[in-house]
Amino acid sequence: MKINDVRKMSDDELKSRINELKLDLGIEKRKQVSTGVASKKNKSKEMRRSVAQALTVLRQRGAKR
C-alpha cells in the first residue's frame, strides 16, 4: 500500500488496519516456525513495512493508539 493511501485513511481505519496486519504477521510467523520454511519472505517484509507506515501516520497526527 502506498503512503498516500495510508494518509487518506481515517484514524479508526488505520487502527483496524494495524491490528489486521499484526494478526496476519503473527500467523505468517507461526507458519514459518512450524514448517521451517518461509512461504514468501517478501510478504512478511511488506506487512511489517505497512504496520510501520500506519503507526508513523498515526503518530504524526498525534492520535492515541
C-alpha atoms as a PDB file:
ATOM      1  CA  MET A   1       0.000   0.000   0.000  1.00  0.00           C
ATOM      2  CA  LYS A   2       1.329   3.430  -0.907  1.00  0.00           C
ATOM      3  CA  ILE A   3       1.927   6.014   1.810  1.00  0.00           C
ATOM      4  CA  ASN A   4      -0.514   8.441   0.173  1.00  0.00           C
ATOM      5  CA  ASP A   5      -3.258   5.830   0.510  1.00  0.00           C
ATOM      6  CA  VAL A   6      -2.375   5.368   4.172  1.00  0.00           C
ATOM      7  CA  ARG A   7      -2.532   9.115   4.795  1.00  0.00           C
ATOM      8  CA  LYS A   8      -6.030   9.278   3.294  1.00  0.00           C
ATOM      9  CA  MET A   9      -7.354   6.735   5.802  1.00  0.00           C
ATOM     10  CA  SER A  10      -9.086   7.846   8.995  1.00  0.00           C
ATOM     11  CA  ASP A  11      -7.602   7.107  12.420  1.00  0.00           C
ATOM     12  CA  ASP A  12     -10.086   4.307  13.048  1.00  0.00           C
ATOM     13  CA  GLU A  13      -9.320   2.719   9.672  1.00  0.00           C
ATOM     14  CA  LEU A  14      -5.597   2.906  10.401  1.00  0.00           C
ATOM     15  CA  LYS A  15      -6.005   1.270  13.799  1.00  0.00           C
ATOM     16  CA  SER A  16      -8.064  -1.573  12.365  1.00  0.00           C
ATOM     17  CA  ARG A  17      -5.556  -1.986   9.517  1.00  0.00           C
ATOM     18  CA  ILE A  18      -2.697  -2.193  12.023  1.00  0.00           C
ATOM     19  CA  ASN A  19      -4.493  -4.859  14.069  1.00  0.00           C
ATOM     20  CA  GLU A  20      -5.323  -6.842  10.937  1.00  0.00           C
ATOM     21  CA  LEU A  21      -1.733  -6.716   9.695  1.00  0.00           C
ATOM     22  CA  LYS A  22      -0.331  -7.724  13.086  1.00  0.00           C
ATOM     23  CA  LEU A  23      -2.639 -10.746  13.194  1.00  0.00           C
ATOM     24  CA  ASP A  24      -1.643 -11.767   9.674  1.00  0.00           C
ATOM     25  CA  LEU A  25       2.023 -11.288  10.506  1.00  0.00           C
ATOM     26  CA  GLY A  26       1.681 -13.490  13.594  1.00  0.00           C
ATOM     27  CA  ILE A  27       0.005 -16.212  11.562  1.00  0.00           C
ATOM     28  CA  GLU A  28       2.729 -15.975   8.941  1.00  0.00           C
ATOM     29  CA  LYS A  29       5.480 -16.254  11.580  1.00  0.00           C
ATOM     30  CA  ARG A  30       3.828 -19.262  13.236  1.00  0.00           C
ATOM     31  CA  LYS A  31       3.503 -20.923   9.856  1.00  0.00           C
ATOM     32  CA  GLN A  32       7.169 -20.260   9.167  1.00  0.00           C
ATOM     33  CA  VAL A  33       8.267 -21.716  12.519  1.00  0.00           C
ATOM     34  CA  SER A  34       6.084 -24.810  12.228  1.00  0.00           C
ATOM     35  CA  THR A  35       7.129 -25.678   8.695  1.00  0.00           C
ATOM     36  CA  GLY A  36      10.670 -24.374   8.886  1.00  0.00           C
ATOM     37  CA  VAL A  37      10.272 -22.708   5.522  1.00  0.00           C
ATOM     38  CA  ALA A  38       9.321 -19.126   4.783  1.00  0.00           C
ATOM     39  CA  SER A  39       6.495 -19.128   2.269  1.00  0.00           C
ATOM     40  CA  LYS A  40       7.135 -15.634   0.983  1.00  0.00           C
ATOM     41  CA  LYS A  41       9.801 -13.596   2.724  1.00  0.00           C
ATOM     42  CA  ASN A  42       8.739 -10.507   0.861  1.00  0.00           C
ATOM     43  CA  LYS A  43       5.184 -10.824   2.212  1.00  0.00           C
ATOM     44  CA  SER A  44       6.362 -10.582   5.826  1.00  0.00           C
ATOM     45  CA  LYS A  45       8.579  -7.644   4.968  1.00  0.00           C
ATOM     46  CA  GLU A  46       5.693  -5.800   3.284  1.00  0.00           C
ATOM     47  CA  MET A  47       3.392  -6.438   6.260  1.00  0.00           C
ATOM     48  CA  ARG A  48       5.981  -5.078   8.718  1.00  0.00           C
ATOM     49  CA  ARG A  49       6.509  -2.067   6.481  1.00  0.00           C
ATOM     50  CA  SER A  50       2.769  -1.391   6.239  1.00  0.00           C
ATOM     51  CA  VAL A  51       2.421  -1.547  10.038  1.00  0.00           C
ATOM     52  CA  ALA A  52       5.305   0.889  10.427  1.00  0.00           C
ATOM     53  CA  GLN A  53       3.812   3.293   7.892  1.00  0.00           C
ATOM     54  CA  ALA A  54       0.407   3.251   9.561  1.00  0.00           C
ATOM     55  CA  LEU A  55       1.915   3.788  13.010  1.00  0.00           C
ATOM     56  CA  THR A  56       4.016   6.659  11.685  1.00  0.00           C
ATOM     57  CA  VAL A  57       0.990   8.392  10.189  1.00  0.00           C
ATOM     58  CA  LEU A  58      -0.963   7.960  13.434  1.00  0.00           C
ATOM     59  CA  ARG A  59       1.887   9.423  15.462  1.00  0.00           C
ATOM     60  CA  GLN A  60       2.272  12.336  13.072  1.00  0.00           C
ATOM     61  CA  ARG A  61      -1.408  13.125  13.551  1.00  0.00           C
ATOM     62  CA  GLY A  62      -0.980  12.857  17.319  1.00  0.00           C
ATOM     63  CA  ALA A  63      -3.611  10.138  17.681  1.00  0.00           C
ATOM     64  CA  LYS A  64      -3.559   7.798  20.660  1.00  0.00           C
ATOM     65  CA  ARG A  65      -3.142   4.075  19.956  1.00  0.00           C
END
